[in-house]
């Protein structure tokens, strides 16, 4: 179904959420129509989006729309159950959910179990849903939206679960920023410097680039924990390791979208103050892994934030020489260290994926530790 036809039929003109590659046609269309504005806000996480949508309803009595990948259902569950539920404040909203890990469809390991429980989650939450497929007609969508009217009137939520390829758009929206430093080159620089110290890399293309760089250099993968799921939690995983392996310098390779999703982790790191912790944030101001949609990073002063919550030293790198200098200088300092790397919205078209399983990665990493 063309995304324009889809948008004509859903009962909302306020949208908030977290981008998903399965919903790229929708996200691109919202950027074309509204940009980032009072009609469309890309939230830090899915729970944040549900809260924002609830505020919109309280102020307008209009049903809002929240979009997300199904991996975000966990983040959304708390406000959906304890705020929006009919037995609490009875706040209606439409959820649009990208169906990653759909049973019977090959997908990445972090999506498989999530895909198995996606519809069960909605059943548990008593949220009626319509599954949008490639073959779904405009009439079927209209009928589903008509059924949802009574649901919204009762102060409940409804969902449209979007299968792969169900929404289409003729032309993609172009995303870019003002930086020129290639993230993969920056990661290569970090891996050369880190030596035999452990790496924890965040979900998405950062972990994929770590894996491919190691392969290209003929190195093993035992030093790298590739956090293929649980977006926003890589820094907490790295903190847990740093507290137990004080003889090692622990490097966390993070993305700005991931850091925003659970930013409170930085406050915990600053409070615990591990001397052997190096937090490297690759900031391209975008959810680049799922399509390049913008984050709010353009207005976030990460280094000031890191200092405010207790990081001992902060650096900024916009090119290779500055990153090499920051890595060298930080090696003489006591952590936690924070290095922000401003990089472009770019990755290779032929970027592959890890050839090892998540279990194999875990076991090799634990053995190396």
Protein backbone atom coordinates (compact mmCIF):
# COMPACT_ATOMS: atom_id res chain seq x y z
CA UNK A 1 0.00 0.00 0.00
CA UNK A 2 1.29 3.46 -0.84
CA UNK A 3 2.05 5.38 2.32
CA UNK A 4 0.04 8.37 1.05
CA UNK A 5 -3.08 6.18 0.89
CA UNK A 6 -2.30 4.84 4.35
CA UNK A 7 -2.03 8.31 5.89
CA UNK A 8 -5.31 9.39 4.30
CA UNK A 9 -7.15 6.69 6.22
CA UNK A 10 -5.78 6.84 9.74
CA UNK A 11 -7.57 9.14 12.21
CA UNK A 12 -4.71 11.39 13.30
CA UNK A 13 -2.65 14.40 12.35
CA UNK A 14 -0.27 14.25 15.31
CA UNK A 15 2.62 11.78 15.18
CA UNK A 16 5.41 10.88 17.54
CA UNK A 17 7.63 7.83 17.87
CA UNK A 18 10.98 6.17 17.24
CA UNK A 19 11.95 5.39 13.62
CA UNK A 20 12.07 1.85 12.26
CA UNK A 21 13.37 0.53 8.94
CA UNK A 22 10.09 -1.38 8.47
CA UNK A 23 8.30 1.98 8.73
CA UNK A 24 10.77 3.95 6.61
CA UNK A 25 8.10 4.90 4.06
CA UNK A 26 5.98 6.31 6.87
CA UNK A 27 8.89 8.10 8.55
CA UNK A 28 10.02 9.62 5.24
CA UNK A 29 6.50 10.83 4.49
CA UNK A 30 6.14 12.41 7.92
CA UNK A 31 9.43 14.23 7.43
CA UNK A 32 8.26 15.50 4.03
CA UNK A 33 4.89 16.62 5.36
CA UNK A 34 5.77 17.98 8.78
CA UNK A 35 9.52 17.85 9.29
CA UNK A 36 10.22 18.00 13.02
CA UNK A 37 7.42 20.21 14.27
CA UNK A 38 4.41 20.42 16.56
CA UNK A 39 2.74 17.81 14.31
CA UNK A 40 5.64 15.35 14.29
CA UNK A 41 8.21 14.71 17.02
CA UNK A 42 10.84 11.95 17.00
CA UNK A 43 11.02 10.89 20.63
CA UNK A 44 14.00 9.62 22.64
CA UNK A 45 12.25 6.31 23.32
CA UNK A 46 8.86 4.70 22.85
CA UNK A 47 7.68 5.34 26.42
CA UNK A 48 8.59 8.98 25.94
CA UNK A 49 6.45 8.98 22.77
CA UNK A 50 3.45 7.45 24.58
CA UNK A 51 3.68 10.12 27.29
CA UNK A 52 3.91 12.87 24.69
CA UNK A 53 0.91 11.46 22.83
CA UNK A 54 -1.06 11.30 26.09
CA UNK A 55 -0.36 14.98 26.68
CA UNK A 56 -1.56 15.77 23.17
CA UNK A 57 -4.85 13.98 23.82
CA UNK A 58 -5.36 15.72 27.18
CA UNK A 59 -4.89 19.09 25.51
CA UNK A 60 -6.92 18.49 22.34
CA UNK A 61 -9.22 15.44 22.77
CA UNK A 62 -7.76 14.25 19.45
CA UNK A 63 -6.45 10.70 19.00
CA UNK A 64 -2.64 10.79 18.51
CA UNK A 65 -0.46 8.28 16.66
CA UNK A 66 2.67 6.65 18.09
CA UNK A 67 4.98 4.70 15.78
CA UNK A 68 7.71 2.26 16.75
CA UNK A 69 9.54 -0.93 15.92
CA UNK A 70 8.11 -3.89 17.83
CA UNK A 71 11.33 -3.97 19.89
CA UNK A 72 10.05 -0.75 21.45
CA UNK A 73 6.93 -2.38 22.89
CA UNK A 74 8.79 -2.98 26.14
CA UNK A 75 9.64 0.70 26.54
CA UNK A 76 6.02 1.61 25.76
CA UNK A 77 4.46 -0.94 28.10
CA UNK A 78 4.81 1.03 31.34
CA UNK A 79 2.94 4.19 30.27
CA UNK A 80 0.46 2.16 28.23
CA UNK A 81 -0.42 0.01 31.25
CA UNK A 82 -0.09 2.49 34.12
CA UNK A 83 -1.17 5.73 32.43
CA UNK A 84 -3.23 5.13 29.30
CA UNK A 85 -5.17 1.98 30.25
CA UNK A 86 -8.95 2.22 30.39
CA UNK A 87 -8.87 1.45 34.13
CA UNK A 88 -6.49 4.36 34.80
CA UNK A 89 -6.82 7.52 32.66
CA UNK A 90 -8.42 5.92 29.59
CA UNK A 91 -6.29 7.72 27.01
CA UNK A 92 -6.84 6.57 23.41
CA UNK A 93 -4.10 6.42 20.81
CA UNK A 94 -3.19 4.61 17.63
CA UNK A 95 0.02 2.57 17.65
CA UNK A 96 1.81 1.82 14.37
CA UNK A 97 4.27 -1.02 14.92
CA UNK A 98 6.93 -2.32 12.55
CA UNK A 99 6.81 -6.13 12.57
CA UNK A 100 10.46 -7.22 12.77
CA UNK A 101 11.15 -10.92 13.35
CA UNK A 102 7.80 -11.96 11.89
CA UNK A 103 7.51 -15.75 12.30
CA UNK A 104 8.57 -17.50 9.09
CA UNK A 105 10.47 -14.47 7.78
CA UNK A 106 14.28 -14.50 8.07
CA UNK A 107 15.57 -11.71 10.29
CA UNK A 108 18.41 -10.81 12.64
CA UNK A 109 18.72 -12.71 15.95
CA UNK A 110 17.68 -9.77 18.14
CA UNK A 111 14.33 -9.64 16.35
CA UNK A 112 13.36 -13.32 16.36
CA UNK A 113 11.93 -13.70 19.87
CA UNK A 114 10.46 -10.19 19.75
CA UNK A 115 8.67 -11.16 16.56
CA UNK A 116 7.27 -14.31 18.16
CA UNK A 117 5.66 -12.32 21.01
CA UNK A 118 4.61 -9.14 19.16
CA UNK A 119 0.94 -10.04 18.72
CA UNK A 120 0.79 -11.84 22.07
CA UNK A 121 1.98 -8.62 23.71
CA UNK A 122 -0.92 -6.73 22.17
CA UNK A 123 -3.33 -9.46 23.26
CA UNK A 124 -1.96 -9.28 26.81
CA UNK A 125 -2.37 -5.49 26.81
CA UNK A 126 -5.92 -5.90 25.44
CA UNK A 127 -5.03 -3.74 22.46
CA UNK A 128 -6.97 -4.74 19.30
CA UNK A 129 -4.89 -4.69 16.14
CA UNK A 130 -4.90 -4.94 12.37
CA UNK A 131 -1.97 -6.58 10.56
CA UNK A 132 -1.11 -4.63 7.41
CA UNK A 133 0.34 -6.89 4.70
CA UNK A 134 1.53 -6.29 1.15
CA UNK A 135 -1.81 -7.63 -0.06
CA UNK A 136 -3.97 -5.53 2.29
CA UNK A 137 -6.48 -3.32 0.52
CA UNK A 138 -7.54 0.23 1.24
CA UNK A 139 -10.98 -1.10 2.09
CA UNK A 140 -9.59 -3.50 4.72
CA UNK A 141 -7.64 -0.67 6.34
CA UNK A 142 -10.71 1.57 6.31
CA UNK A 143 -12.77 -1.19 7.92
CA UNK A 144 -10.16 -1.66 10.65
CA UNK A 145 -10.00 2.08 11.36
CA UNK A 146 -13.79 2.14 11.54
CA UNK A 147 -13.70 -0.64 14.18
CA UNK A 148 -11.10 1.32 16.10
CA UNK A 149 -13.46 4.28 16.50
CA UNK A 150 -15.41 2.47 19.23
CA UNK A 151 -12.13 1.42 20.86
CA UNK A 152 -10.94 5.03 21.03
CA UNK A 153 -14.32 6.16 22.34
CA UNK A 154 -13.84 3.77 25.28
CA UNK A 155 -10.47 5.32 26.07
CA UNK A 156 -8.45 2.38 24.78
CA UNK A 157 -5.61 1.98 22.30
CA UNK A 158 -5.50 0.17 18.96
CA UNK A 159 -2.59 -0.89 16.77
CA UNK A 160 -1.67 -1.37 13.13
CA UNK A 161 1.13 -3.93 12.84
CA UNK A 162 3.06 -3.36 9.61
CA UNK A 163 4.70 -6.32 7.89
CA UNK A 164 7.81 -6.00 5.75
CA UNK A 165 7.07 -4.24 2.46
CA UNK A 166 3.48 -3.43 3.38
CA UNK A 167 4.06 0.32 3.11
CA UNK A 168 5.74 1.76 0.05
CA UNK A 169 6.97 5.15 -1.10
CA UNK A 170 8.29 6.04 -4.54
CA UNK A 171 11.17 8.25 -3.42
CA UNK A 172 13.18 8.13 -0.22
CA UNK A 173 13.74 11.22 1.88
CA UNK A 174 17.37 12.38 1.94
CA UNK A 175 19.04 12.78 5.33
CA UNK A 176 22.39 14.49 5.92
CA UNK A 177 24.31 16.58 8.41
CA UNK A 178 27.23 19.02 8.25
CA UNK A 179 29.96 16.56 9.32
CA UNK A 180 32.41 14.79 7.00
CA UNK A 181 34.18 12.29 9.30
CA UNK A 182 33.19 8.75 8.27
CA UNK A 183 32.09 6.68 11.27
CA UNK A 184 33.70 3.48 10.01
CA UNK A 185 37.05 5.27 9.72
CA UNK A 186 36.59 6.60 13.25
CA UNK A 187 35.81 3.12 14.58
CA UNK A 188 38.89 1.73 12.83
CA UNK A 189 40.95 4.36 14.63
CA UNK A 190 39.45 3.41 18.02
CA UNK A 191 40.04 -0.33 17.50
CA UNK A 192 43.69 0.25 16.61
CA UNK A 193 44.15 2.27 19.78
CA UNK A 194 42.21 0.01 22.16
CA UNK A 195 44.65 -2.88 21.75
CA UNK A 196 43.76 -5.87 23.93
CA UNK A 197 41.10 -4.01 25.91
CA UNK A 198 37.43 -5.07 25.64
CA UNK A 199 34.96 -3.27 23.38
CA UNK A 200 31.19 -3.07 23.94
CA UNK A 201 29.48 -1.72 20.82
CA UNK A 202 25.88 -0.58 20.52
CA UNK A 203 23.19 -2.11 18.34
CA UNK A 204 22.98 -1.42 14.62
CA UNK A 205 25.63 -0.43 12.12
CA UNK A 206 28.27 0.42 14.73
CA UNK A 207 28.50 -3.24 15.78
CA UNK A 208 28.38 -4.36 12.14
CA UNK A 209 31.29 -2.05 11.33
CA UNK A 210 33.28 -3.29 14.32
CA UNK A 211 32.83 -6.87 13.11
CA UNK A 212 33.83 -6.11 9.52
CA UNK A 213 36.88 -4.07 10.53
CA UNK A 214 38.14 -6.97 12.66
CA UNK A 215 37.61 -9.31 9.71
CA UNK A 216 39.44 -7.00 7.32
CA UNK A 217 42.38 -6.73 9.72
CA UNK A 218 42.52 -10.51 10.16
CA UNK A 219 41.75 -10.20 13.86
CA UNK A 220 39.48 -12.32 16.01
CA UNK A 221 36.25 -11.12 17.61
CA UNK A 222 36.80 -12.22 21.21
CA UNK A 223 37.47 -8.69 22.47
CA UNK A 224 34.15 -7.34 21.16
CA UNK A 225 30.70 -7.68 22.68
CA UNK A 226 28.33 -6.78 19.85
CA UNK A 227 25.14 -5.54 21.50
CA UNK A 228 22.83 -6.55 18.67
CA UNK A 229 19.62 -5.59 20.52
CA UNK A 230 18.58 -3.71 23.69
CA UNK A 231 19.12 -0.27 22.18
CA UNK A 232 20.44 2.23 24.70
CA UNK A 233 21.90 -0.31 27.13
CA UNK A 234 25.43 -0.84 25.77
CA UNK A 235 26.93 1.69 28.19
CA UNK A 236 25.32 -0.10 31.15
CA UNK A 237 26.68 -3.44 29.94
CA UNK A 238 30.12 -1.86 29.64
CA UNK A 239 29.81 -0.40 33.14
CA UNK A 240 29.02 -3.81 34.60
CA UNK A 241 32.17 -5.21 32.95
CA UNK A 242 34.35 -2.25 33.99
CA UNK A 243 33.47 -2.72 37.65
CA UNK A 244 34.67 -6.34 37.58
CA UNK A 245 37.67 -6.03 35.23
CA UNK A 246 39.59 -3.15 36.77
CA UNK A 247 42.83 -4.27 35.12
CA UNK A 248 41.33 -3.54 31.69
CA UNK A 249 40.26 -0.29 30.06
CA UNK A 250 36.68 -0.83 28.90
CA UNK A 251 35.57 0.96 25.72
CA UNK A 252 31.89 1.57 25.02
CA UNK A 253 31.11 2.48 21.39
CA UNK A 254 27.75 4.22 21.49
CA UNK A 255 25.44 6.01 19.06
CA UNK A 256 23.60 9.24 19.74
CA UNK A 257 20.16 7.69 19.14
CA UNK A 258 20.99 4.88 21.56
CA UNK A 259 22.42 7.24 24.19
CA UNK A 260 19.30 9.39 24.02
CA UNK A 261 17.03 6.38 24.47
CA UNK A 262 18.27 5.70 28.01
CA UNK A 263 20.29 8.78 28.87
CA UNK A 264 19.98 8.12 32.60
CA UNK A 265 22.70 5.49 32.16
CA UNK A 266 25.24 8.31 31.83
CA UNK A 267 24.27 9.63 35.25
CA UNK A 268 24.79 6.16 36.73
CA UNK A 269 28.22 5.91 35.09
CA UNK A 270 29.20 9.33 36.43
CA UNK A 271 27.98 8.44 39.92
CA UNK A 272 29.83 5.11 40.07
CA UNK A 273 32.83 6.77 38.41
CA UNK A 274 34.81 3.76 37.09
CA UNK A 275 38.40 4.80 36.47
CA UNK A 276 38.77 2.38 33.54
CA UNK A 277 35.70 3.44 31.52
CA UNK A 278 35.95 5.13 28.09
CA UNK A 279 32.60 6.14 26.57
CA UNK A 280 32.85 7.01 22.87
CA UNK A 281 29.73 8.54 21.35
CA UNK A 282 29.49 8.50 17.54
CA UNK A 283 27.15 11.42 16.95
CA UNK A 284 25.70 11.79 13.45
CA UNK A 285 22.47 13.36 14.73
CA UNK A 286 20.52 10.51 13.16
CA UNK A 287 18.93 7.09 13.55
CA UNK A 288 21.16 6.06 10.67
CA UNK A 289 20.76 2.29 11.05
CA UNK A 290 17.02 2.43 10.33
CA UNK A 291 17.10 5.06 7.60
CA UNK A 292 18.83 8.26 8.74
CA UNK A 293 15.90 9.99 10.44
CA UNK A 294 17.06 12.83 12.72
CA UNK A 295 17.53 12.57 16.48
CA UNK A 296 17.39 15.62 18.75
CA UNK A 297 21.19 15.54 19.10
CA UNK A 298 21.62 18.82 17.25
CA UNK A 299 20.41 20.62 20.36
CA UNK A 300 22.09 18.35 22.93
CA UNK A 301 25.43 19.42 24.42
CA UNK A 302 26.74 15.95 25.20
CA UNK A 303 30.12 16.96 26.58
CA UNK A 304 28.59 19.45 29.02
CA UNK A 305 26.09 16.78 30.01
CA UNK A 306 28.86 14.24 30.60
CA UNK A 307 30.76 16.70 32.78
CA UNK A 308 27.60 17.58 34.70
CA UNK A 309 26.89 13.95 35.64
CA UNK A 310 30.45 13.16 36.72
CA UNK A 311 32.64 12.13 33.78
CA UNK A 312 36.17 13.28 34.61
CA UNK A 313 37.36 14.28 31.15
CA UNK A 314 35.55 15.07 27.89
CA UNK A 315 36.75 15.46 24.30
CA UNK A 316 35.35 16.34 20.87
CA UNK A 317 36.67 14.96 17.57
CA UNK A 318 35.48 16.02 14.12
CA UNK A 319 38.36 14.46 12.17
CA UNK A 320 40.89 11.66 12.47
CA UNK A 321 43.74 13.72 13.93
CA UNK A 322 41.53 15.08 16.69
CA UNK A 323 40.25 11.59 17.53
CA UNK A 324 43.77 10.16 17.66
CA UNK A 325 44.78 13.00 19.96
CA UNK A 326 41.76 12.47 22.21
CA UNK A 327 42.48 8.75 22.48
CA UNK A 328 46.12 9.39 23.26
CA UNK A 329 45.45 12.10 25.82
CA UNK A 330 42.61 10.19 27.49
CA UNK A 331 44.93 7.24 28.00
CA UNK A 332 46.82 9.37 30.54
CA UNK A 333 43.63 10.33 32.39
CA UNK A 334 41.49 8.67 35.04
CA UNK A 335 38.01 7.73 33.86
CA UNK A 336 35.22 7.84 33.23
CA UNK A 337 36.23 9.46 29.94
CA UNK A 338 33.78 10.78 27.35
CA UNK A 339 34.74 11.28 23.69
CA UNK A 340 32.18 12.68 21.26
CA UNK A 341 32.92 11.91 17.61
CA UNK A 342 30.95 14.08 15.17
CA UNK A 343 30.48 11.98 12.02
CA UNK A 344 28.51 11.95 8.80
CA UNK A 345 25.27 10.11 8.04
CA UNK A 346 26.94 7.44 5.96
CA UNK A 347 27.66 3.72 5.79
CA UNK A 348 28.79 1.41 3.02
CA UNK A 349 26.03 -0.10 0.88
CA UNK A 350 27.81 -3.46 1.07
CA UNK A 351 28.17 -3.39 4.88
CA UNK A 352 27.62 -6.95 6.06
CA UNK A 353 26.41 -8.51 9.28
CA UNK A 354 28.19 -10.68 11.86
CA UNK A 355 28.60 -14.27 10.68
CA UNK A 356 28.71 -15.63 14.23
CA UNK A 357 25.63 -16.15 16.39
CA UNK A 358 24.90 -14.03 19.43
CA UNK A 359 25.67 -17.02 21.68
CA UNK A 360 29.01 -17.58 19.94
CA UNK A 361 29.86 -13.90 20.38
CA UNK A 362 28.99 -14.06 24.08
CA UNK A 363 31.01 -17.20 24.72
CA UNK A 364 34.10 -15.93 22.86
CA UNK A 365 33.91 -12.61 24.69
CA UNK A 366 33.54 -14.23 28.11
CA UNK A 367 36.45 -16.56 27.41
CA UNK A 368 38.63 -13.58 26.44
CA UNK A 369 37.62 -11.73 29.62
